[in-house]
Amino acid sequence: MRAVLTAAALLLAVSGCAVPAPAPVDISAKSAAIADRFQTELQAQLQAALTASGPVGAIGVCQQAAPAIAANLSEESGAEVRRIALKERNPAALAEGELRKRLEQLAAAPLDASGKPAAVQWTSGSGRDARAHYLRAIPMKAQPCAACHGTSIAPEVRAKLAELYPLDKASGFKPGDLRGAIVISWPLERH
């Protein structure tokens, strides 16, 4: 009987010292701020290029500035920041696996009930590979996006796109369609 009581006391002591399960990581606010900044910086550069050299000249902004902005935000935040798409212009933006599944969900409803870009959040992996992911829709806008991604693209724009992106799949969108998404992935061990 004494052994049973000792075992019970030991069990209670150990369970009282047990480390509680980690609280769920909420990356929504941090990720939304990064996605906002990405969009704001890209839009500013895109508008400046459109004003200076029209749609043909602005293509280089999406080709060069967007990856640079993503790299800068990744370095600053410690997260991996990038754009993905179901119909990609840049092959590096191809959504595969779980990202594709989540992006297809956003394609069904790219805007939330308040009319803002929809977002989803989930975790994957375990241990050192555990990550928290935030995916926010990039709905197609009538302007300036339609000039390069719409259903009626000027011949000179189409020619420049063919030159820079021979495998381009990112046209034929109508305003409100899901153009792509910003994905932000955080290593969970840092949270």
N, C-alpha and C. Protein backbone atom coordinates (compact mmCIF):
# COMPACT_ATOMS: atom_id res chain seq x y z
N MET A 1 0.82 -1.18 0.00
CA MET A 1 0.00 0.00 0.00
C MET A 1 0.87 1.25 0.00
N ARG A 2 1.96 1.19 0.77
CA ARG A 2 2.85 2.33 0.84
C ARG A 2 3.44 2.63 -0.54
N ALA A 3 3.77 1.59 -1.32
CA ALA A 3 4.32 1.76 -2.67
C ALA A 3 3.32 2.44 -3.58
N VAL A 4 2.02 2.10 -3.44
CA VAL A 4 0.97 2.71 -4.26
C VAL A 4 0.83 4.19 -3.92
N LEU A 5 0.86 4.51 -2.61
CA LEU A 5 0.76 5.92 -2.21
C LEU A 5 1.97 6.71 -2.68
N THR A 6 3.14 6.11 -2.60
CA THR A 6 4.36 6.78 -3.06
C THR A 6 4.28 7.03 -4.57
N ALA A 7 3.81 6.03 -5.30
CA ALA A 7 3.67 6.18 -6.76
C ALA A 7 2.65 7.26 -7.08
N ALA A 8 1.52 7.29 -6.34
CA ALA A 8 0.49 8.31 -6.58
C ALA A 8 1.03 9.70 -6.27
N ALA A 9 1.79 9.83 -5.16
CA ALA A 9 2.36 11.12 -4.80
C ALA A 9 3.37 11.56 -5.85
N LEU A 10 4.16 10.64 -6.34
CA LEU A 10 5.15 10.95 -7.38
C LEU A 10 4.45 11.39 -8.66
N LEU A 11 3.38 10.71 -9.04
CA LEU A 11 2.62 11.06 -10.23
C LEU A 11 2.03 12.46 -10.10
N LEU A 12 1.47 12.78 -8.93
CA LEU A 12 0.91 14.11 -8.71
C LEU A 12 2.00 15.17 -8.76
N ALA A 13 3.14 14.87 -8.18
CA ALA A 13 4.24 15.83 -8.17
C ALA A 13 4.74 16.08 -9.59
N VAL A 14 4.89 15.00 -10.36
CA VAL A 14 5.37 15.14 -11.73
C VAL A 14 4.35 15.89 -12.59
N SER A 15 3.08 15.57 -12.43
CA SER A 15 2.07 16.24 -13.25
C SER A 15 1.95 17.70 -12.87
N GLY A 16 2.20 18.03 -11.62
CA GLY A 16 2.16 19.43 -11.20
C GLY A 16 3.33 20.22 -11.77
N CYS A 17 4.42 19.54 -12.08
CA CYS A 17 5.60 20.20 -12.63
C CYS A 17 5.64 20.11 -14.15
N ALA A 18 4.67 19.46 -14.73
CA ALA A 18 4.68 19.28 -16.18
C ALA A 18 4.64 20.63 -16.89
N VAL A 19 5.34 20.70 -18.00
CA VAL A 19 5.35 21.91 -18.79
C VAL A 19 4.03 22.00 -19.55
N PRO A 20 3.32 23.12 -19.42
CA PRO A 20 2.05 23.24 -20.13
C PRO A 20 2.28 23.23 -21.63
N ALA A 21 1.25 22.81 -22.36
CA ALA A 21 1.32 22.81 -23.81
C ALA A 21 1.48 24.24 -24.29
N PRO A 22 2.25 24.45 -25.34
CA PRO A 22 2.44 25.82 -25.82
C PRO A 22 1.12 26.40 -26.33
N ALA A 23 0.95 27.68 -26.09
CA ALA A 23 -0.25 28.35 -26.57
C ALA A 23 -0.18 28.43 -28.08
N PRO A 24 -1.32 28.42 -28.76
CA PRO A 24 -1.31 28.54 -30.21
C PRO A 24 -0.64 29.86 -30.61
N VAL A 25 0.14 29.81 -31.66
CA VAL A 25 0.84 31.00 -32.13
C VAL A 25 -0.11 31.81 -33.02
N ASP A 26 -0.28 33.08 -32.70
CA ASP A 26 -1.12 33.94 -33.52
C ASP A 26 -0.21 34.88 -34.29
N ILE A 27 -0.05 34.58 -35.55
CA ILE A 27 0.82 35.37 -36.41
C ILE A 27 0.02 36.33 -37.29
N SER A 28 -1.30 36.37 -37.10
CA SER A 28 -2.16 37.15 -37.99
C SER A 28 -1.76 38.61 -38.07
N ALA A 29 -1.63 39.27 -36.93
CA ALA A 29 -1.36 40.71 -36.93
C ALA A 29 0.00 41.02 -37.55
N LYS A 30 1.04 40.27 -37.15
CA LYS A 30 2.37 40.50 -37.71
C LYS A 30 2.38 40.24 -39.21
N SER A 31 1.75 39.16 -39.62
CA SER A 31 1.74 38.78 -41.03
C SER A 31 0.93 39.77 -41.86
N ALA A 32 -0.20 40.20 -41.34
CA ALA A 32 -1.02 41.18 -42.07
C ALA A 32 -0.24 42.48 -42.27
N ALA A 33 0.51 42.89 -41.26
CA ALA A 33 1.31 44.12 -41.38
C ALA A 33 2.39 43.96 -42.45
N ILE A 34 3.00 42.80 -42.51
CA ILE A 34 4.03 42.54 -43.53
C ILE A 34 3.38 42.51 -44.92
N ALA A 35 2.25 41.85 -45.04
CA ALA A 35 1.56 41.79 -46.34
C ALA A 35 1.13 43.19 -46.78
N ASP A 36 0.64 44.00 -45.83
CA ASP A 36 0.27 45.39 -46.16
C ASP A 36 1.49 46.16 -46.67
N ARG A 37 2.59 46.01 -45.98
CA ARG A 37 3.80 46.73 -46.38
C ARG A 37 4.29 46.27 -47.75
N PHE A 38 4.23 44.97 -47.99
CA PHE A 38 4.63 44.44 -49.29
C PHE A 38 3.80 45.09 -50.39
N GLN A 39 2.48 45.06 -50.21
CA GLN A 39 1.58 45.63 -51.23
C GLN A 39 1.80 47.12 -51.40
N THR A 40 1.96 47.86 -50.31
CA THR A 40 2.14 49.31 -50.38
C THR A 40 3.42 49.66 -51.12
N GLU A 41 4.52 48.99 -50.78
CA GLU A 41 5.80 49.27 -51.43
C GLU A 41 5.75 48.90 -52.91
N LEU A 42 5.17 47.76 -53.23
CA LEU A 42 5.09 47.33 -54.63
C LEU A 42 4.20 48.28 -55.43
N GLN A 43 3.05 48.65 -54.87
CA GLN A 43 2.13 49.56 -55.57
C GLN A 43 2.78 50.92 -55.83
N ALA A 44 3.53 51.44 -54.87
CA ALA A 44 4.19 52.73 -55.04
C ALA A 44 5.20 52.67 -56.19
N GLN A 45 6.00 51.61 -56.21
CA GLN A 45 6.98 51.48 -57.29
C GLN A 45 6.31 51.23 -58.63
N LEU A 46 5.25 50.46 -58.62
CA LEU A 46 4.51 50.18 -59.85
C LEU A 46 3.87 51.44 -60.41
N GLN A 47 3.24 52.24 -59.54
CA GLN A 47 2.62 53.49 -60.00
C GLN A 47 3.67 54.44 -60.56
N ALA A 48 4.82 54.54 -59.92
CA ALA A 48 5.88 55.42 -60.41
C ALA A 48 6.36 54.96 -61.79
N ALA A 49 6.53 53.66 -61.98
CA ALA A 49 6.98 53.14 -63.27
C ALA A 49 5.91 53.33 -64.34
N LEU A 50 4.65 53.14 -63.99
CA LEU A 50 3.56 53.37 -64.94
C LEU A 50 3.54 54.82 -65.41
N THR A 51 3.72 55.73 -64.47
CA THR A 51 3.72 57.15 -64.80
C THR A 51 4.92 57.50 -65.68
N ALA A 52 6.07 56.94 -65.36
CA ALA A 52 7.29 57.26 -66.09
C ALA A 52 7.38 56.61 -67.46
N SER A 53 6.96 55.36 -67.57
CA SER A 53 7.19 54.64 -68.82
C SER A 53 6.05 53.73 -69.29
N GLY A 54 4.88 53.85 -68.68
CA GLY A 54 3.73 53.06 -69.13
C GLY A 54 3.83 51.60 -68.73
N PRO A 55 2.85 50.80 -69.17
CA PRO A 55 2.80 49.39 -68.77
C PRO A 55 4.03 48.57 -69.17
N VAL A 56 4.59 48.81 -70.34
CA VAL A 56 5.76 48.04 -70.76
C VAL A 56 6.92 48.27 -69.79
N GLY A 57 7.15 49.51 -69.42
CA GLY A 57 8.22 49.82 -68.48
C GLY A 57 7.95 49.33 -67.08
N ALA A 58 6.69 49.23 -66.73
CA ALA A 58 6.32 48.80 -65.38
C ALA A 58 6.47 47.29 -65.16
N ILE A 59 6.57 46.54 -66.22
CA ILE A 59 6.71 45.09 -66.08
C ILE A 59 7.95 44.74 -65.25
N GLY A 60 9.01 45.51 -65.43
CA GLY A 60 10.24 45.26 -64.69
C GLY A 60 10.08 45.42 -63.18
N VAL A 61 9.11 46.25 -62.76
CA VAL A 61 8.88 46.42 -61.32
C VAL A 61 8.43 45.10 -60.72
N CYS A 62 7.46 44.48 -61.34
CA CYS A 62 7.00 43.20 -60.80
C CYS A 62 8.08 42.13 -60.92
N GLN A 63 8.88 42.21 -61.97
CA GLN A 63 9.93 41.21 -62.17
C GLN A 63 11.08 41.38 -61.18
N GLN A 64 11.48 42.62 -60.91
CA GLN A 64 12.66 42.84 -60.08
C GLN A 64 12.35 43.37 -58.69
N ALA A 65 11.46 44.34 -58.60
CA ALA A 65 11.19 44.96 -57.30
C ALA A 65 10.43 44.03 -56.36
N ALA A 66 9.46 43.29 -56.88
CA ALA A 66 8.67 42.42 -55.99
C ALA A 66 9.55 41.40 -55.26
N PRO A 67 10.44 40.67 -55.95
CA PRO A 67 11.31 39.75 -55.21
C PRO A 67 12.25 40.47 -54.23
N ALA A 68 12.70 41.66 -54.60
CA ALA A 68 13.58 42.42 -53.70
C ALA A 68 12.83 42.87 -52.45
N ILE A 69 11.59 43.30 -52.61
CA ILE A 69 10.78 43.70 -51.46
C ILE A 69 10.55 42.49 -50.56
N ALA A 70 10.22 41.35 -51.17
CA ALA A 70 10.00 40.13 -50.38
C ALA A 70 11.27 39.74 -49.62
N ALA A 71 12.42 39.82 -50.27
CA ALA A 71 13.68 39.47 -49.61
C ALA A 71 13.97 40.41 -48.45
N ASN A 72 13.73 41.69 -48.65
CA ASN A 72 13.96 42.67 -47.59
C ASN A 72 13.04 42.41 -46.39
N LEU A 73 11.77 42.16 -46.65
CA LEU A 73 10.82 41.89 -45.57
C LEU A 73 11.14 40.58 -44.86
N SER A 74 11.62 39.61 -45.61
CA SER A 74 12.03 38.33 -45.00
C SER A 74 13.19 38.56 -44.04
N GLU A 75 14.17 39.31 -44.50
CA GLU A 75 15.35 39.57 -43.67
C GLU A 75 14.97 40.35 -42.41
N GLU A 76 14.13 41.36 -42.56
CA GLU A 76 13.73 42.19 -41.42
C GLU A 76 12.91 41.41 -40.39
N SER A 77 12.01 40.55 -40.86
CA SER A 77 11.06 39.90 -39.97
C SER A 77 11.51 38.55 -39.42
N GLY A 78 12.35 37.85 -40.17
CA GLY A 78 12.71 36.49 -39.78
C GLY A 78 11.75 35.46 -40.36
N ALA A 79 10.76 35.92 -41.09
CA ALA A 79 9.81 35.03 -41.77
C ALA A 79 10.24 34.89 -43.23
N GLU A 80 9.69 33.91 -43.92
CA GLU A 80 9.88 33.79 -45.36
C GLU A 80 8.68 34.46 -46.03
N VAL A 81 8.94 35.48 -46.84
CA VAL A 81 7.87 36.23 -47.50
C VAL A 81 8.02 36.04 -49.00
N ARG A 82 6.91 35.67 -49.68
CA ARG A 82 6.94 35.54 -51.13
C ARG A 82 5.53 35.57 -51.70
N ARG A 83 5.46 35.70 -53.01
CA ARG A 83 4.17 35.64 -53.69
C ARG A 83 4.06 34.30 -54.39
N ILE A 84 2.84 33.78 -54.44
CA ILE A 84 2.56 32.53 -55.14
C ILE A 84 1.31 32.71 -55.99
N ALA A 85 1.10 31.78 -56.92
CA ALA A 85 -0.06 31.87 -57.80
C ALA A 85 -0.46 30.49 -58.31
N LEU A 86 -1.71 30.39 -58.70
CA LEU A 86 -2.18 29.18 -59.38
C LEU A 86 -1.81 29.25 -60.86
N LYS A 87 -1.86 30.46 -61.41
CA LYS A 87 -1.44 30.72 -62.79
C LYS A 87 -0.28 31.71 -62.70
N GLU A 88 0.93 31.17 -62.66
CA GLU A 88 2.09 32.00 -62.37
C GLU A 88 2.69 32.61 -63.64
N ARG A 89 3.30 33.75 -63.44
CA ARG A 89 4.08 34.40 -64.50
C ARG A 89 5.54 33.97 -64.33
N ASN A 90 6.01 34.00 -63.11
CA ASN A 90 7.37 33.59 -62.78
C ASN A 90 7.28 32.17 -62.23
N PRO A 91 8.01 31.21 -62.82
CA PRO A 91 7.92 29.83 -62.33
C PRO A 91 8.22 29.67 -60.84
N ALA A 92 8.99 30.59 -60.25
CA ALA A 92 9.30 30.53 -58.82
C ALA A 92 8.06 30.78 -57.96
N ALA A 93 7.00 31.31 -58.55
CA ALA A 93 5.78 31.62 -57.81
C ALA A 93 4.76 30.48 -57.85
N LEU A 94 5.12 29.37 -58.46
CA LEU A 94 4.20 28.24 -58.55
C LEU A 94 3.83 27.73 -57.16
N ALA A 95 2.55 27.59 -56.90
CA ALA A 95 2.06 27.05 -55.63
C ALA A 95 1.92 25.54 -55.75
N GLU A 96 2.55 24.82 -54.83
CA GLU A 96 2.49 23.37 -54.85
C GLU A 96 2.07 22.84 -53.49
N GLY A 97 1.63 21.59 -53.46
CA GLY A 97 1.30 20.91 -52.22
C GLY A 97 0.25 21.63 -51.40
N GLU A 98 0.53 21.78 -50.11
CA GLU A 98 -0.40 22.43 -49.18
C GLU A 98 -0.69 23.87 -49.59
N LEU A 99 0.32 24.57 -50.10
CA LEU A 99 0.10 25.95 -50.54
C LEU A 99 -0.92 26.01 -51.67
N ARG A 100 -0.84 25.08 -52.58
CA ARG A 100 -1.79 25.05 -53.70
C ARG A 100 -3.21 24.80 -53.19
N LYS A 101 -3.33 23.85 -52.26
CA LYS A 101 -4.64 23.54 -51.69
C LYS A 101 -5.24 24.77 -51.01
N ARG A 102 -4.44 25.46 -50.23
CA ARG A 102 -4.92 26.67 -49.53
C ARG A 102 -5.23 27.79 -50.51
N LEU A 103 -4.42 27.92 -51.55
CA LEU A 103 -4.65 28.95 -52.56
C LEU A 103 -5.93 28.67 -53.34
N GLU A 104 -6.21 27.42 -53.61
CA GLU A 104 -7.46 27.05 -54.29
C GLU A 104 -8.66 27.41 -53.42
N GLN A 105 -8.54 27.27 -52.10
CA GLN A 105 -9.61 27.69 -51.20
C GLN A 105 -9.83 29.20 -51.31
N LEU A 106 -8.74 29.97 -51.35
CA LEU A 106 -8.87 31.42 -51.47
C LEU A 106 -9.46 31.81 -52.83
N ALA A 107 -9.16 31.04 -53.86
CA ALA A 107 -9.69 31.36 -55.20
C ALA A 107 -11.21 31.32 -55.21
N ALA A 108 -11.79 30.46 -54.38
CA ALA A 108 -13.25 30.36 -54.31
C ALA A 108 -13.86 31.62 -53.70
N ALA A 109 -13.13 32.31 -52.84
CA ALA A 109 -13.62 33.53 -52.19
C ALA A 109 -12.43 34.42 -51.86
N PRO A 110 -11.90 35.17 -52.84
CA PRO A 110 -10.71 35.98 -52.59
C PRO A 110 -10.93 37.18 -51.67
N LEU A 111 -12.18 37.55 -51.46
CA LEU A 111 -12.49 38.65 -50.55
C LEU A 111 -13.27 38.12 -49.36
N ASP A 112 -13.02 38.71 -48.17
CA ASP A 112 -13.78 38.30 -46.99
C ASP A 112 -15.11 39.06 -46.95
N ALA A 113 -15.88 38.86 -45.91
CA ALA A 113 -17.22 39.46 -45.79
C ALA A 113 -17.19 40.99 -45.81
N SER A 114 -16.06 41.58 -45.39
CA SER A 114 -15.96 43.04 -45.37
C SER A 114 -15.40 43.60 -46.68
N GLY A 115 -15.11 42.74 -47.65
CA GLY A 115 -14.59 43.19 -48.93
C GLY A 115 -13.08 43.32 -48.98
N LYS A 116 -12.40 42.85 -47.93
CA LYS A 116 -10.93 42.89 -47.90
C LYS A 116 -10.39 41.56 -48.38
N PRO A 117 -9.11 41.54 -48.81
CA PRO A 117 -8.53 40.26 -49.24
C PRO A 117 -8.62 39.21 -48.13
N ALA A 118 -9.10 38.03 -48.51
CA ALA A 118 -9.24 36.93 -47.56
C ALA A 118 -7.87 36.39 -47.17
N ALA A 119 -7.79 35.82 -45.98
CA ALA A 119 -6.54 35.24 -45.50
C ALA A 119 -6.83 33.95 -44.75
N VAL A 120 -5.87 33.04 -44.78
CA VAL A 120 -5.94 31.80 -44.00
C VAL A 120 -4.62 31.62 -43.27
N GLN A 121 -4.68 30.89 -42.17
CA GLN A 121 -3.51 30.63 -41.34
C GLN A 121 -3.53 29.17 -40.93
N TRP A 122 -2.34 28.54 -40.88
CA TRP A 122 -2.23 27.15 -40.43
C TRP A 122 -0.80 26.87 -40.01
N THR A 123 -0.60 25.73 -39.39
CA THR A 123 0.75 25.31 -39.02
C THR A 123 1.07 24.00 -39.72
N SER A 124 2.37 23.76 -39.86
CA SER A 124 2.81 22.51 -40.48
C SER A 124 4.10 22.06 -39.83
N GLY A 125 4.43 20.80 -40.03
CA GLY A 125 5.68 20.26 -39.52
C GLY A 125 5.66 20.07 -38.02
N SER A 126 6.81 19.64 -37.51
CA SER A 126 6.97 19.45 -36.07
C SER A 126 8.42 19.67 -35.70
N GLY A 127 8.65 19.86 -34.42
CA GLY A 127 10.01 20.08 -33.94
C GLY A 127 10.64 21.29 -34.61
N ARG A 128 11.87 21.12 -35.06
CA ARG A 128 12.59 22.22 -35.70
C ARG A 128 12.00 22.63 -37.04
N ASP A 129 11.22 21.74 -37.64
CA ASP A 129 10.61 22.03 -38.94
C ASP A 129 9.22 22.66 -38.82
N ALA A 130 8.74 22.86 -37.62
CA ALA A 130 7.40 23.42 -37.41
C ALA A 130 7.36 24.87 -37.90
N ARG A 131 6.31 25.19 -38.65
CA ARG A 131 6.15 26.53 -39.20
C ARG A 131 4.69 26.95 -39.09
N ALA A 132 4.51 28.25 -38.93
CA ALA A 132 3.18 28.86 -38.97
C ALA A 132 3.10 29.62 -40.28
N HIS A 133 2.01 29.44 -41.00
CA HIS A 133 1.85 30.04 -42.32
C HIS A 133 0.65 30.99 -42.35
N TYR A 134 0.82 32.07 -43.07
CA TYR A 134 -0.24 33.06 -43.29
C TYR A 134 -0.29 33.29 -44.80
N LEU A 135 -1.47 33.16 -45.36
CA LEU A 135 -1.66 33.29 -46.80
C LEU A 135 -2.76 34.30 -47.04
N ARG A 136 -2.43 35.41 -47.74
CA ARG A 136 -3.45 36.43 -48.01
C ARG A 136 -3.62 36.61 -49.51
N ALA A 137 -4.87 36.61 -49.92
CA ALA A 137 -5.23 36.73 -51.33
C ALA A 137 -4.77 38.06 -51.91
N ILE A 138 -4.41 38.01 -53.19
CA ILE A 138 -4.18 39.21 -53.99
C ILE A 138 -5.25 39.20 -55.07
N PRO A 139 -6.38 39.86 -54.83
CA PRO A 139 -7.43 39.90 -55.84
C PRO A 139 -7.01 40.82 -56.99
N MET A 140 -7.41 40.47 -58.18
CA MET A 140 -7.11 41.25 -59.38
C MET A 140 -7.86 42.58 -59.32
N LYS A 141 -7.13 43.67 -59.53
CA LYS A 141 -7.73 45.00 -59.59
C LYS A 141 -7.90 45.39 -61.05
N ALA A 142 -8.88 46.22 -61.32
CA ALA A 142 -9.09 46.68 -62.69
C ALA A 142 -7.87 47.46 -63.17
N GLN A 143 -7.36 48.35 -62.34
CA GLN A 143 -6.18 49.14 -62.69
C GLN A 143 -5.24 49.17 -61.51
N PRO A 144 -4.01 49.07 -61.68
CA PRO A 144 -3.27 48.96 -62.94
C PRO A 144 -3.06 47.52 -63.40
N CYS A 145 -3.52 46.55 -62.65
CA CYS A 145 -3.21 45.14 -62.89
C CYS A 145 -3.68 44.62 -64.25
N ALA A 146 -4.84 45.10 -64.71
CA ALA A 146 -5.41 44.58 -65.96
C ALA A 146 -4.51 44.83 -67.17
N ALA A 147 -3.67 45.85 -67.11
CA ALA A 147 -2.79 46.15 -68.24
C ALA A 147 -1.87 44.98 -68.58
N CYS A 148 -1.49 44.20 -67.57
CA CYS A 148 -0.58 43.06 -67.79
C CYS A 148 -1.20 41.70 -67.47
N HIS A 149 -2.27 41.69 -66.71
CA HIS A 149 -2.87 40.42 -66.28
C HIS A 149 -4.30 40.23 -66.76
N GLY A 150 -4.88 41.21 -67.42
CA GLY A 150 -6.29 41.17 -67.78
C GLY A 150 -6.60 40.34 -69.01
N THR A 151 -7.79 40.58 -69.53
CA THR A 151 -8.28 39.83 -70.70
C THR A 151 -7.95 40.53 -72.01
N SER A 152 -7.60 41.82 -71.95
CA SER A 152 -7.29 42.59 -73.15
C SER A 152 -5.96 43.31 -72.92
N ILE A 153 -4.88 42.66 -73.33
CA ILE A 153 -3.53 43.19 -73.11
C ILE A 153 -3.01 43.75 -74.42
N ALA A 154 -2.47 44.97 -74.36
CA ALA A 154 -1.94 45.63 -75.56
C ALA A 154 -0.83 44.78 -76.18
N PRO A 155 -0.71 44.79 -77.51
CA PRO A 155 0.30 43.96 -78.20
C PRO A 155 1.73 44.22 -77.72
N GLU A 156 2.11 45.48 -77.46
CA GLU A 156 3.47 45.76 -77.02
C GLU A 156 3.72 45.21 -75.61
N VAL A 157 2.70 45.21 -74.78
CA VAL A 157 2.81 44.63 -73.43
C VAL A 157 2.93 43.12 -73.54
N ARG A 158 2.09 42.53 -74.38
CA ARG A 158 2.13 41.08 -74.58
C ARG A 158 3.51 40.64 -75.11
N ALA A 159 4.09 41.43 -76.01
CA ALA A 159 5.41 41.11 -76.56
C ALA A 159 6.49 41.16 -75.48
N LYS A 160 6.45 42.18 -74.63
CA LYS A 160 7.44 42.30 -73.55
C LYS A 160 7.29 41.16 -72.54
N LEU A 161 6.05 40.80 -72.24
CA LEU A 161 5.81 39.68 -71.33
C LEU A 161 6.35 38.38 -71.92
N ALA A 162 6.14 38.17 -73.21
CA ALA A 162 6.64 36.96 -73.87
C ALA A 162 8.17 36.92 -73.85
N GLU A 163 8.79 38.09 -73.97
CA GLU A 163 10.25 38.16 -73.93
C GLU A 163 10.79 37.82 -72.53
N LEU A 164 10.17 38.40 -71.50
CA LEU A 164 10.66 38.20 -70.13
C LEU A 164 10.16 36.92 -69.48
N TYR A 165 8.97 36.49 -69.87
CA TYR A 165 8.33 35.32 -69.25
C TYR A 165 7.81 34.38 -70.33
N PRO A 166 8.66 33.60 -70.96
CA PRO A 166 8.19 32.74 -72.05
C PRO A 166 7.17 31.68 -71.61
N LEU A 167 7.11 31.36 -70.33
CA LEU A 167 6.16 30.36 -69.83
C LEU A 167 4.98 30.99 -69.09
N ASP A 168 4.72 32.26 -69.37
CA ASP A 168 3.69 33.03 -68.68
C ASP A 168 2.31 32.37 -68.75
N LYS A 169 1.67 32.28 -67.59
CA LYS A 169 0.29 31.77 -67.49
C LYS A 169 -0.60 32.79 -66.80
N ALA A 170 -0.06 33.98 -66.48
CA ALA A 170 -0.75 34.92 -65.59
C ALA A 170 -1.50 36.02 -66.32
N SER A 171 -2.34 35.63 -67.26
CA SER A 171 -3.21 36.62 -67.91
C SER A 171 -4.60 36.01 -68.05
N GLY A 172 -5.54 36.85 -68.48
CA GLY A 172 -6.91 36.40 -68.63
C GLY A 172 -7.75 36.59 -67.38
N PHE A 173 -7.24 37.36 -66.42
CA PHE A 173 -7.96 37.59 -65.17
C PHE A 173 -8.95 38.74 -65.33
N LYS A 174 -10.05 38.64 -64.61
CA LYS A 174 -11.04 39.71 -64.53
C LYS A 174 -10.95 40.33 -63.13
N PRO A 175 -11.33 41.61 -63.00
CA PRO A 175 -11.31 42.22 -61.66
C PRO A 175 -12.08 41.36 -60.65
N GLY A 176 -11.46 41.16 -59.50
CA GLY A 176 -12.06 40.34 -58.45
C GLY A 176 -11.56 38.90 -58.44
N ASP A 177 -11.00 38.42 -59.56
CA ASP A 177 -10.42 37.08 -59.59
C ASP A 177 -9.21 37.02 -58.66
N LEU A 178 -8.88 35.84 -58.21
CA LEU A 178 -7.67 35.67 -57.41
C LEU A 178 -6.48 35.70 -58.35
N ARG A 179 -5.64 36.71 -58.23
CA ARG A 179 -4.43 36.82 -59.05
C ARG A 179 -3.31 35.96 -58.44
N GLY A 180 -3.25 35.93 -57.12
CA GLY A 180 -2.22 35.17 -56.42
C GLY A 180 -2.36 35.42 -54.93
N ALA A 181 -1.28 35.22 -54.20
CA ALA A 181 -1.32 35.45 -52.76
C ALA A 181 0.07 35.76 -52.24
N ILE A 182 0.09 36.42 -51.11
CA ILE A 182 1.33 36.63 -50.37
C ILE A 182 1.35 35.56 -49.29
N VAL A 183 2.42 34.81 -49.22
CA VAL A 183 2.56 33.79 -48.18
C VAL A 183 3.70 34.20 -47.27
N ILE A 184 3.44 34.12 -45.98
CA ILE A 184 4.42 34.46 -44.96
C ILE A 184 4.53 33.26 -44.02
N SER A 185 5.72 32.67 -43.95
CA SER A 185 5.94 31.47 -43.13
C SER A 185 6.95 31.78 -42.04
N TRP A 186 6.54 31.45 -40.82
CA TRP A 186 7.35 31.73 -39.62
C TRP A 186 7.86 30.43 -39.02
N PRO A 187 9.12 30.37 -38.63
CA PRO A 187 9.58 29.20 -37.86
C PRO A 187 8.97 29.28 -36.47
N LEU A 188 8.31 28.22 -36.03
CA LEU A 188 7.62 28.23 -34.75
C LEU A 188 8.58 28.27 -33.57
N GLU A 189 9.78 27.78 -33.72
CA GLU A 189 10.71 27.76 -32.59
C GLU A 189 11.09 29.16 -32.14
N ARG A 190 10.86 30.18 -32.94
CA ARG A 190 11.18 31.55 -32.55
C ARG A 190 10.03 32.22 -31.83
N HIS A 191 8.87 31.58 -31.76
CA HIS A 191 7.70 32.21 -31.15
C HIS A 191 7.40 31.64 -29.79
